[in-house]
N, C-alpha and C. Protein backbone atom coordinates (compact mmCIF):
# COMPACT_ATOMS: atom_id res chain seq x y z
N UNK A 1 84.47 126.81 58.43
CA UNK A 1 85.23 125.94 58.76
C UNK A 1 85.78 125.55 59.86
N UNK A 2 86.00 126.90 60.55
CA UNK A 2 86.34 127.14 61.84
C UNK A 2 85.52 126.50 62.85
N UNK A 3 84.16 126.66 62.39
CA UNK A 3 83.19 126.47 63.20
C UNK A 3 82.82 124.68 63.33
N UNK A 4 83.31 124.24 62.23
CA UNK A 4 83.23 123.00 62.12
C UNK A 4 83.98 122.38 62.83
N UNK A 5 85.37 122.63 62.76
CA UNK A 5 86.43 121.95 63.58
C UNK A 5 86.25 122.40 64.84
N UNK A 6 85.87 123.44 65.28
CA UNK A 6 85.53 123.44 66.96
C UNK A 6 84.31 122.62 67.24
N UNK A 7 83.51 122.61 66.58
CA UNK A 7 82.33 121.78 66.90
C UNK A 7 82.62 120.25 67.13
N UNK A 8 83.53 119.70 66.15
CA UNK A 8 84.29 118.56 66.02
C UNK A 8 85.00 118.31 67.11
N UNK A 9 86.05 119.48 67.91
CA UNK A 9 86.71 119.11 68.92
C UNK A 9 85.78 119.07 70.04
N UNK A 10 84.85 120.02 70.43
CA UNK A 10 84.00 119.84 71.30
C UNK A 10 83.21 118.54 71.60
N UNK A 11 82.69 118.11 70.42
CA UNK A 11 82.03 116.80 70.42
C UNK A 11 82.98 115.81 70.81
N UNK A 12 84.17 115.72 70.42
CA UNK A 12 85.27 114.55 70.77
C UNK A 12 85.25 114.74 72.14
N UNK A 13 85.50 115.83 72.74
CA UNK A 13 85.90 116.23 74.20
C UNK A 13 84.56 115.59 75.03
N UNK A 14 83.52 116.11 74.64
CA UNK A 14 82.09 115.87 75.21
C UNK A 14 82.06 114.24 75.36
N UNK A 15 82.63 113.47 74.46
CA UNK A 15 82.11 111.89 74.30
C UNK A 15 83.54 111.28 74.92
N UNK A 16 84.75 112.25 75.14
CA UNK A 16 85.79 111.31 75.76
C UNK A 16 85.55 111.59 77.25
N UNK A 17 84.95 112.57 77.45
CA UNK A 17 84.85 112.65 79.07
C UNK A 17 84.36 111.54 79.99
N UNK A 18 83.34 110.88 79.33
CA UNK A 18 82.93 109.79 80.48
C UNK A 18 83.82 108.86 80.56
N UNK A 19 84.73 108.59 79.32
CA UNK A 19 85.85 107.42 79.48
C UNK A 19 86.98 107.84 80.41
N UNK A 20 87.05 109.22 80.36
CA UNK A 20 87.90 109.91 81.39
C UNK A 20 87.75 109.77 82.81
N UNK A 21 86.31 109.95 83.06
CA UNK A 21 85.39 109.90 84.33
C UNK A 21 85.76 108.22 84.87
N UNK A 22 85.50 107.33 83.88
CA UNK A 22 85.20 106.18 84.22
C UNK A 22 86.61 105.29 84.46
N UNK A 23 87.78 106.09 84.27
CA UNK A 23 89.10 105.69 84.52
C UNK A 23 89.53 106.11 85.71
N UNK A 24 88.91 107.29 85.94
CA UNK A 24 89.32 107.89 87.45
C UNK A 24 88.49 107.05 88.47
N UNK A 25 87.15 106.77 88.01
CA UNK A 25 86.39 105.82 89.23
C UNK A 25 86.89 104.47 89.21
N UNK A 26 87.66 104.12 88.21
CA UNK A 26 88.21 102.63 88.22
C UNK A 26 89.42 102.69 88.97
N UNK A 27 90.10 103.75 88.91
CA UNK A 27 91.43 103.82 89.70
C UNK A 27 91.30 104.12 91.26
N UNK A 28 90.05 104.86 91.47
CA UNK A 28 89.70 104.85 92.77
C UNK A 28 89.26 103.71 93.37
N UNK A 29 88.05 102.80 92.60
CA UNK A 29 88.00 101.69 93.19
C UNK A 29 89.18 100.56 93.29
N UNK A 30 89.95 100.31 92.40
CA UNK A 30 91.38 99.71 92.44
C UNK A 30 91.99 100.07 93.66
N UNK A 31 92.36 101.18 94.23
CA UNK A 31 93.02 101.57 95.37
C UNK A 31 91.81 101.39 96.50
N UNK A 32 90.82 101.61 96.59
CA UNK A 32 90.31 100.98 97.75
C UNK A 32 90.24 99.51 97.75
N UNK A 33 89.84 98.84 96.97
CA UNK A 33 90.10 97.35 97.05
C UNK A 33 91.64 96.80 97.58
N UNK A 34 92.53 97.77 97.11
CA UNK A 34 94.16 97.38 97.33
C UNK A 34 94.02 97.73 98.93
N UNK A 35 93.38 98.70 99.44
CA UNK A 35 93.55 98.95 100.68
C UNK A 35 92.84 98.03 101.60
N UNK A 36 91.67 97.49 101.08
CA UNK A 36 91.02 96.44 102.10
C UNK A 36 91.74 95.16 101.83
N UNK A 37 92.73 95.02 100.66
CA UNK A 37 93.63 93.68 100.85
C UNK A 37 94.82 93.90 101.58
N UNK A 38 95.28 94.93 101.66
CA UNK A 38 96.64 95.51 102.50
C UNK A 38 96.08 95.36 103.92
N UNK A 39 95.04 95.70 104.37
CA UNK A 39 94.44 95.85 105.68
C UNK A 39 93.97 94.33 106.44
N UNK A 40 93.59 93.75 105.67
CA UNK A 40 93.07 92.38 105.99
C UNK A 40 93.95 91.13 105.21
N UNK A 41 95.05 90.61 106.10
CA UNK A 41 95.87 89.89 105.55
C UNK A 41 95.24 88.44 106.25
N UNK A 42 95.26 87.38 105.21
CA UNK A 42 94.46 86.15 105.83
C UNK A 42 95.50 85.47 106.51
N UNK A 43 95.14 84.84 107.43
CA UNK A 43 95.96 84.25 108.31
C UNK A 43 96.49 85.10 109.73
N UNK A 44 95.79 86.44 109.74
CA UNK A 44 96.01 87.20 110.58
C UNK A 44 94.65 87.42 111.53
N UNK A 45 94.95 87.40 112.88
CA UNK A 45 93.98 87.47 113.80
C UNK A 45 93.14 88.74 113.67
N UNK A 46 94.09 89.83 113.12
CA UNK A 46 93.44 91.33 113.37
C UNK A 46 92.82 91.38 111.79
N UNK A 47 91.89 92.36 111.89
CA UNK A 47 91.17 92.86 110.40
C UNK A 47 91.58 94.00 110.04
N UNK A 48 92.43 94.95 110.82
CA UNK A 48 92.89 95.92 110.27
C UNK A 48 94.47 96.19 110.64
N UNK A 49 94.88 97.02 109.81
CA UNK A 49 96.39 96.96 109.81
C UNK A 49 96.89 98.31 110.74
N UNK A 50 97.60 97.87 111.87
CA UNK A 50 98.13 98.53 112.67
C UNK A 50 99.55 98.82 112.73
N UNK A 51 99.84 100.03 112.17
CA UNK A 51 101.13 100.34 111.89
C UNK A 51 102.15 100.76 113.18
N UNK A 52 101.77 100.84 114.51
CA UNK A 52 102.30 100.68 115.71
C UNK A 52 103.03 99.31 115.96
N UNK A 53 102.17 98.15 115.51
CA UNK A 53 102.62 96.86 115.36
C UNK A 53 103.90 96.59 114.35
N UNK A 54 103.63 97.36 113.34
CA UNK A 54 104.96 97.07 112.36
C UNK A 54 106.24 97.77 112.78
N UNK A 55 106.03 98.86 113.70
CA UNK A 55 107.52 99.76 113.78
C UNK A 55 107.71 98.72 114.97
N UNK A 56 107.00 98.20 116.08
CA UNK A 56 107.42 97.75 116.94
C UNK A 56 108.20 96.26 116.68
N UNK A 57 107.50 95.50 115.50
CA UNK A 57 108.29 94.52 115.15
C UNK A 57 109.72 94.96 114.43
N UNK A 58 109.55 95.89 113.63
CA UNK A 58 110.90 96.42 113.03
C UNK A 58 111.82 96.90 114.04
N UNK A 59 111.42 97.37 115.40
CA UNK A 59 112.37 97.52 116.42
C UNK A 59 112.77 96.18 116.94
N UNK A 60 112.12 95.42 117.18
CA UNK A 60 112.56 93.96 117.60
C UNK A 60 113.41 93.40 116.61
N UNK A 61 113.16 93.58 115.34
CA UNK A 61 114.08 92.62 114.20
C UNK A 61 115.31 93.43 114.36
N UNK A 62 115.40 94.89 114.53
CA UNK A 62 116.34 95.60 114.47
C UNK A 62 117.32 95.31 115.90
N UNK A 63 116.72 95.14 116.85
CA UNK A 63 117.54 94.64 118.20
C UNK A 63 118.07 93.30 117.83
N UNK A 64 117.11 92.52 117.20
CA UNK A 64 117.68 91.16 117.01
C UNK A 64 119.21 91.16 116.00
N UNK A 65 119.21 91.91 114.84
CA UNK A 65 119.99 92.16 114.24
C UNK A 65 121.16 92.56 114.69
N UNK A 66 121.00 93.64 115.74
CA UNK A 66 122.03 94.28 116.30
C UNK A 66 122.94 93.05 117.36
N UNK A 67 121.89 92.32 117.79
CA UNK A 67 122.60 91.20 118.57
C UNK A 67 123.46 90.19 118.12
N UNK A 68 122.77 89.88 116.72
CA UNK A 68 123.45 88.90 116.00
C UNK A 68 124.65 89.33 115.47
N UNK A 69 124.92 90.74 114.94
CA UNK A 69 126.03 91.65 114.70
C UNK A 69 126.92 91.61 115.67
N UNK A 70 126.57 91.89 116.96
CA UNK A 70 127.65 91.75 118.31
C UNK A 70 128.06 90.32 118.36
N UNK A 71 127.21 89.44 118.00
CA UNK A 71 127.63 88.30 118.24
C UNK A 71 128.97 87.61 117.12
N UNK A 72 128.35 88.20 115.87
CA UNK A 72 129.50 88.07 114.86
C UNK A 72 130.57 88.45 115.15
N UNK A 73 130.71 89.83 115.63
CA UNK A 73 131.99 90.52 115.94
C UNK A 73 132.66 90.07 117.14
N UNK A 74 131.98 89.47 118.39
CA UNK A 74 132.76 88.61 119.15
C UNK A 74 133.40 87.30 118.84
N UNK A 75 132.61 86.54 117.88
CA UNK A 75 133.11 85.57 117.38
C UNK A 75 134.52 85.86 116.65
N UNK A 76 134.45 87.12 115.61
CA UNK A 76 135.64 87.25 114.83
C UNK A 76 136.59 87.68 115.71
N UNK A 77 136.28 88.34 116.85
CA UNK A 77 137.48 88.68 117.55
C UNK A 77 138.04 87.38 118.48
N UNK A 78 137.23 86.37 118.77
CA UNK A 78 137.85 85.55 119.34
C UNK A 78 138.66 84.50 118.29
N UNK A 79 138.11 84.60 116.91
CA UNK A 79 139.14 83.81 116.19
C UNK A 79 140.23 84.26 115.77
N UNK A 80 140.19 85.70 116.02
CA UNK A 80 141.44 86.47 115.56
C UNK A 80 142.57 86.11 116.39
N UNK A 81 142.16 86.31 117.77
CA UNK A 81 142.70 85.89 118.87
C UNK A 81 143.55 84.42 118.84
N UNK A 82 142.41 83.36 118.46
CA UNK A 82 142.98 82.19 118.54
C UNK A 82 144.28 82.16 117.29
N UNK A 83 143.75 82.76 116.15
CA UNK A 83 144.67 82.77 114.83
C UNK A 83 146.25 83.46 115.59
N UNK A 84 146.12 84.56 116.11
CA UNK A 84 147.26 85.08 116.64
C UNK A 84 148.08 84.19 117.34
N UNK A 85 147.24 83.50 118.64
CA UNK A 85 147.92 82.38 119.37
C UNK A 85 148.55 81.28 118.49
N UNK A 86 148.14 80.80 117.64
CA UNK A 86 148.55 79.93 116.54
C UNK A 86 149.80 80.35 115.84
N UNK A 87 149.66 81.56 115.53
CA UNK A 87 150.90 82.22 114.76
C UNK A 87 151.97 82.16 115.78
N UNK A 88 151.93 82.60 117.10
CA UNK A 88 152.97 82.67 118.22
C UNK A 88 153.49 81.16 118.19
N UNK A 89 152.32 80.04 118.12
CA UNK A 89 152.99 78.77 118.64
C UNK A 89 154.00 78.40 117.42
N UNK A 90 153.53 78.72 115.82
CA UNK A 90 154.29 78.34 114.86
C UNK A 90 155.55 79.31 114.87
N UNK A 91 155.39 80.14 115.47
CA UNK A 91 156.83 80.86 115.40
C UNK A 91 157.96 80.32 116.14
N UNK A 92 157.09 80.00 117.56
CA UNK A 92 158.02 79.15 118.45
C UNK A 92 158.74 77.89 118.00
N UNK A 93 157.85 76.92 117.27
CA UNK A 93 158.19 75.79 116.46
C UNK A 93 159.15 76.10 115.46
N UNK A 94 159.06 77.17 114.86
CA UNK A 94 160.05 77.35 113.85
C UNK A 94 161.52 77.74 114.20
N UNK A 95 161.42 78.43 115.41
CA UNK A 95 162.38 79.11 116.15
C UNK A 95 163.11 77.59 116.79
N UNK A 96 162.28 76.85 117.34
CA UNK A 96 163.01 75.51 117.99
C UNK A 96 163.57 74.93 116.95
N UNK A 97 162.94 74.73 115.96
CA UNK A 97 163.51 73.85 114.51
C UNK A 97 164.92 74.61 114.04
N UNK A 98 164.89 75.87 114.22
CA UNK A 98 166.04 76.18 113.50
C UNK A 98 167.10 76.34 114.55
N UNK A 99 166.81 76.28 115.93
CA UNK A 99 168.32 75.94 116.89
C UNK A 99 168.58 74.61 116.70
N UNK A 100 167.26 73.67 116.63
CA UNK A 100 167.88 72.11 116.34
C UNK A 100 168.66 71.99 115.07
N UNK A 101 168.44 72.71 114.09
CA UNK A 101 169.17 72.70 112.86
C UNK A 101 170.61 73.22 113.07
N UNK A 102 170.61 74.26 113.92
CA UNK A 102 172.01 74.96 114.09
C UNK A 102 172.80 73.95 115.14
N UNK A 103 172.40 73.53 115.89
CA UNK A 103 173.15 72.30 116.82
C UNK A 103 173.34 71.31 116.05
N UNK A 104 172.68 70.80 114.98
CA UNK A 104 173.01 69.45 114.30
C UNK A 104 174.10 69.64 113.29
N UNK A 105 174.08 71.06 112.86
CA UNK A 105 175.42 71.72 111.83
C UNK A 105 176.67 71.56 112.59
N UNK A 106 176.62 71.73 113.77
CA UNK A 106 177.85 71.98 114.70
C UNK A 106 178.42 70.62 114.81
């Protein structure tokens, strides 16, 4: 009985191995196709994918982001200064109004 089970197991493994090999080959072909599609992007003048261009683009975008961030901070600082000026003017008006009310009460 043991030899029958062993023969059945070996026969099953023997028959399953081509399917496993086919899956591996299928995966490899899929990876190659993906590499080709990543390397060649329609609408691009280049046929291959150059990583140095990506890093240069990322540095350029990073610099642009930093410049935008600095502009936002400058604008925020400017608005804060304007708000402080308006607060001082409001306080002056409130003080003047208070003095006028005190003069009217006398």
